């Protein structure tokens, strides 16, 4: 079996996140802060990235956890809580891109999701000599 291609969607405004195709699937996602809408698919090494996340539940569900923590100060997502501490805004310039993962040979999907997220954090850290601001651990 071959690792699926790591190709993210284009960037979507945070307020439009639920319109991302296949966001009812588990997967990996990227959050970034931009002043204006970036063109094309997400660049996984863009310095404006503030978080790489993964979920084995539907992406939409995990994004709701982030939203509650970041913008309503409720428990549920450590990255969202850190977002609240650092930015303390309502997500005006927050963008999300996703990599929904279809089912892969039954039980392999969770391993691929976690591997891809950690690989992206590692690649980002190698390029920028730091982790994204919300990926503290």
Protein backbone atom coordinates (compact mmCIF):
# COMPACT_ATOMS: atom_id res chain seq x y z
CA UNK A 1 0.00 0.00 0.00
CA UNK A 2 1.17 3.51 -0.84
CA UNK A 3 0.75 6.58 1.38
CA UNK A 4 -1.99 8.81 -0.06
CA UNK A 5 -0.85 12.03 -1.71
CA UNK A 6 -0.66 14.86 0.80
CA UNK A 7 -2.66 17.49 -1.08
CA UNK A 8 -4.74 19.96 0.88
CA UNK A 9 -7.74 21.96 -0.23
CA UNK A 10 -7.48 25.63 -0.99
CA UNK A 11 -7.72 27.98 1.99
CA UNK A 12 -11.19 28.76 3.32
CA UNK A 13 -12.13 31.54 5.71
CA UNK A 14 -12.80 30.09 9.14
CA UNK A 15 -16.43 31.16 8.88
CA UNK A 16 -16.75 29.05 5.68
CA UNK A 17 -15.04 25.92 7.05
CA UNK A 18 -18.10 23.68 6.90
CA UNK A 19 -18.35 24.19 3.13
CA UNK A 20 -15.11 22.25 2.59
CA UNK A 21 -15.85 19.10 0.60
CA UNK A 22 -15.64 15.86 2.63
CA UNK A 23 -15.30 17.68 5.95
CA UNK A 24 -17.59 15.00 7.35
CA UNK A 25 -14.57 12.64 7.13
CA UNK A 26 -11.63 12.33 9.54
CA UNK A 27 -8.36 13.91 8.45
CA UNK A 28 -5.68 16.54 8.89
CA UNK A 29 -6.14 20.30 8.84
CA UNK A 30 -4.05 23.46 8.79
CA UNK A 31 -4.86 26.83 10.33
CA UNK A 32 -3.18 30.06 9.24
CA UNK A 33 -3.59 33.81 9.65
CA UNK A 34 -3.61 35.83 6.41
CA UNK A 35 -4.50 39.47 5.72
CA UNK A 36 -6.13 38.53 2.41
CA UNK A 37 -7.38 35.31 0.86
CA UNK A 38 -4.42 33.28 -0.42
CA UNK A 39 -4.67 31.77 -3.90
CA UNK A 40 -4.51 28.10 -4.76
CA UNK A 41 -4.03 25.08 -2.58
CA UNK A 42 -2.48 25.40 0.85
CA UNK A 43 1.30 25.45 1.01
CA UNK A 44 2.14 23.15 3.93
CA UNK A 45 5.31 25.09 4.77
CA UNK A 46 3.87 28.63 4.68
CA UNK A 47 5.26 30.63 7.60
CA UNK A 48 1.78 32.03 8.31
CA UNK A 49 0.61 28.59 9.45
CA UNK A 50 -0.22 28.63 13.14
CA UNK A 51 -1.47 25.07 13.65
CA UNK A 52 -1.49 21.57 12.22
CA UNK A 53 -4.27 19.40 13.59
CA UNK A 54 -5.64 15.91 13.13
CA UNK A 55 -8.80 14.09 14.02
CA UNK A 56 -10.17 10.59 13.65
CA UNK A 57 -13.65 12.03 14.05
CA UNK A 58 -15.25 14.19 11.34
CA UNK A 59 -13.21 17.32 10.64
CA UNK A 60 -16.34 19.46 11.20
CA UNK A 61 -16.69 18.05 14.70
CA UNK A 62 -13.10 18.87 15.64
CA UNK A 63 -13.42 22.35 14.15
CA UNK A 64 -16.44 22.93 16.35
CA UNK A 65 -14.30 21.98 19.37
CA UNK A 66 -11.66 24.50 18.26
CA UNK A 67 -14.30 27.17 17.68
CA UNK A 68 -15.78 26.73 21.18
CA UNK A 69 -12.36 26.93 22.82
CA UNK A 70 -10.99 29.81 20.72
CA UNK A 71 -14.05 32.04 20.58
CA UNK A 72 -16.28 31.01 23.50
CA UNK A 73 -13.55 30.18 26.06
CA UNK A 74 -14.92 26.67 26.59
CA UNK A 75 -12.93 23.50 27.18
CA UNK A 76 -12.46 21.02 24.33
CA UNK A 77 -9.44 21.90 22.17
CA UNK A 78 -6.03 22.86 23.54
CA UNK A 79 -5.06 24.57 20.27
CA UNK A 80 -8.25 26.63 20.47
CA UNK A 81 -7.49 27.62 24.05
CA UNK A 82 -3.97 28.65 23.04
CA UNK A 83 -5.42 30.60 20.10
CA UNK A 84 -7.62 32.50 22.55
CA UNK A 85 -4.60 33.29 24.76
CA UNK A 86 -2.36 34.45 21.90
CA UNK A 87 -4.74 36.19 19.49
CA UNK A 88 -7.90 36.91 21.52
CA UNK A 89 -9.85 37.80 18.37
CA UNK A 90 -12.92 36.44 16.60
CA UNK A 91 -11.02 34.73 13.77
CA UNK A 92 -11.39 37.48 11.18
CA UNK A 93 -8.12 36.55 9.42
CA UNK A 94 -8.19 32.85 10.28
CA UNK A 95 -8.14 30.36 7.41
CA UNK A 96 -8.37 26.58 7.25
CA UNK A 97 -7.34 23.99 4.68
CA UNK A 98 -8.11 20.29 4.97
CA UNK A 99 -6.96 16.86 3.93
CA UNK A 100 -9.94 14.55 4.46
CA UNK A 101 -8.84 10.91 4.53
CA UNK A 102 -11.07 8.23 3.01
CA UNK A 103 -11.17 4.83 4.70
CA UNK A 104 -7.93 2.92 4.10
CA UNK A 105 -7.84 -0.82 4.63
CA UNK A 106 -9.98 -0.65 7.73
CA UNK A 107 -7.88 0.22 10.74
CA UNK A 108 -5.01 2.00 8.95
CA UNK A 109 -6.72 5.40 8.60
CA UNK A 110 -5.97 6.63 12.15
CA UNK A 111 -2.26 5.80 11.74
CA UNK A 112 -2.01 7.64 8.43
CA UNK A 113 -3.83 10.68 9.84
CA UNK A 114 -1.49 10.91 12.83
CA UNK A 115 1.60 10.25 10.71
CA UNK A 116 0.72 13.01 8.22
CA UNK A 117 0.08 15.57 10.96
CA UNK A 118 3.42 14.81 12.70
CA UNK A 119 5.28 14.82 9.36
CA UNK A 120 3.88 18.24 8.51
CA UNK A 121 4.88 19.66 11.90
CA UNK A 122 8.36 18.17 11.50
CA UNK A 123 8.79 19.54 7.95
CA UNK A 124 7.58 22.97 9.07
CA UNK A 125 9.96 22.97 12.05
CA UNK A 126 12.90 22.00 9.84
CA UNK A 127 12.18 24.87 7.47
CA UNK A 128 11.40 27.58 10.05
CA UNK A 129 13.41 26.30 13.06
CA UNK A 130 10.26 26.55 15.19
CA UNK A 131 6.90 24.87 15.51
CA UNK A 132 3.67 26.59 14.52
CA UNK A 133 2.49 28.88 17.34
CA UNK A 134 -0.36 26.64 18.49
CA UNK A 135 1.48 23.31 18.23
CA UNK A 136 3.14 23.49 21.62
CA UNK A 137 3.85 19.78 22.06
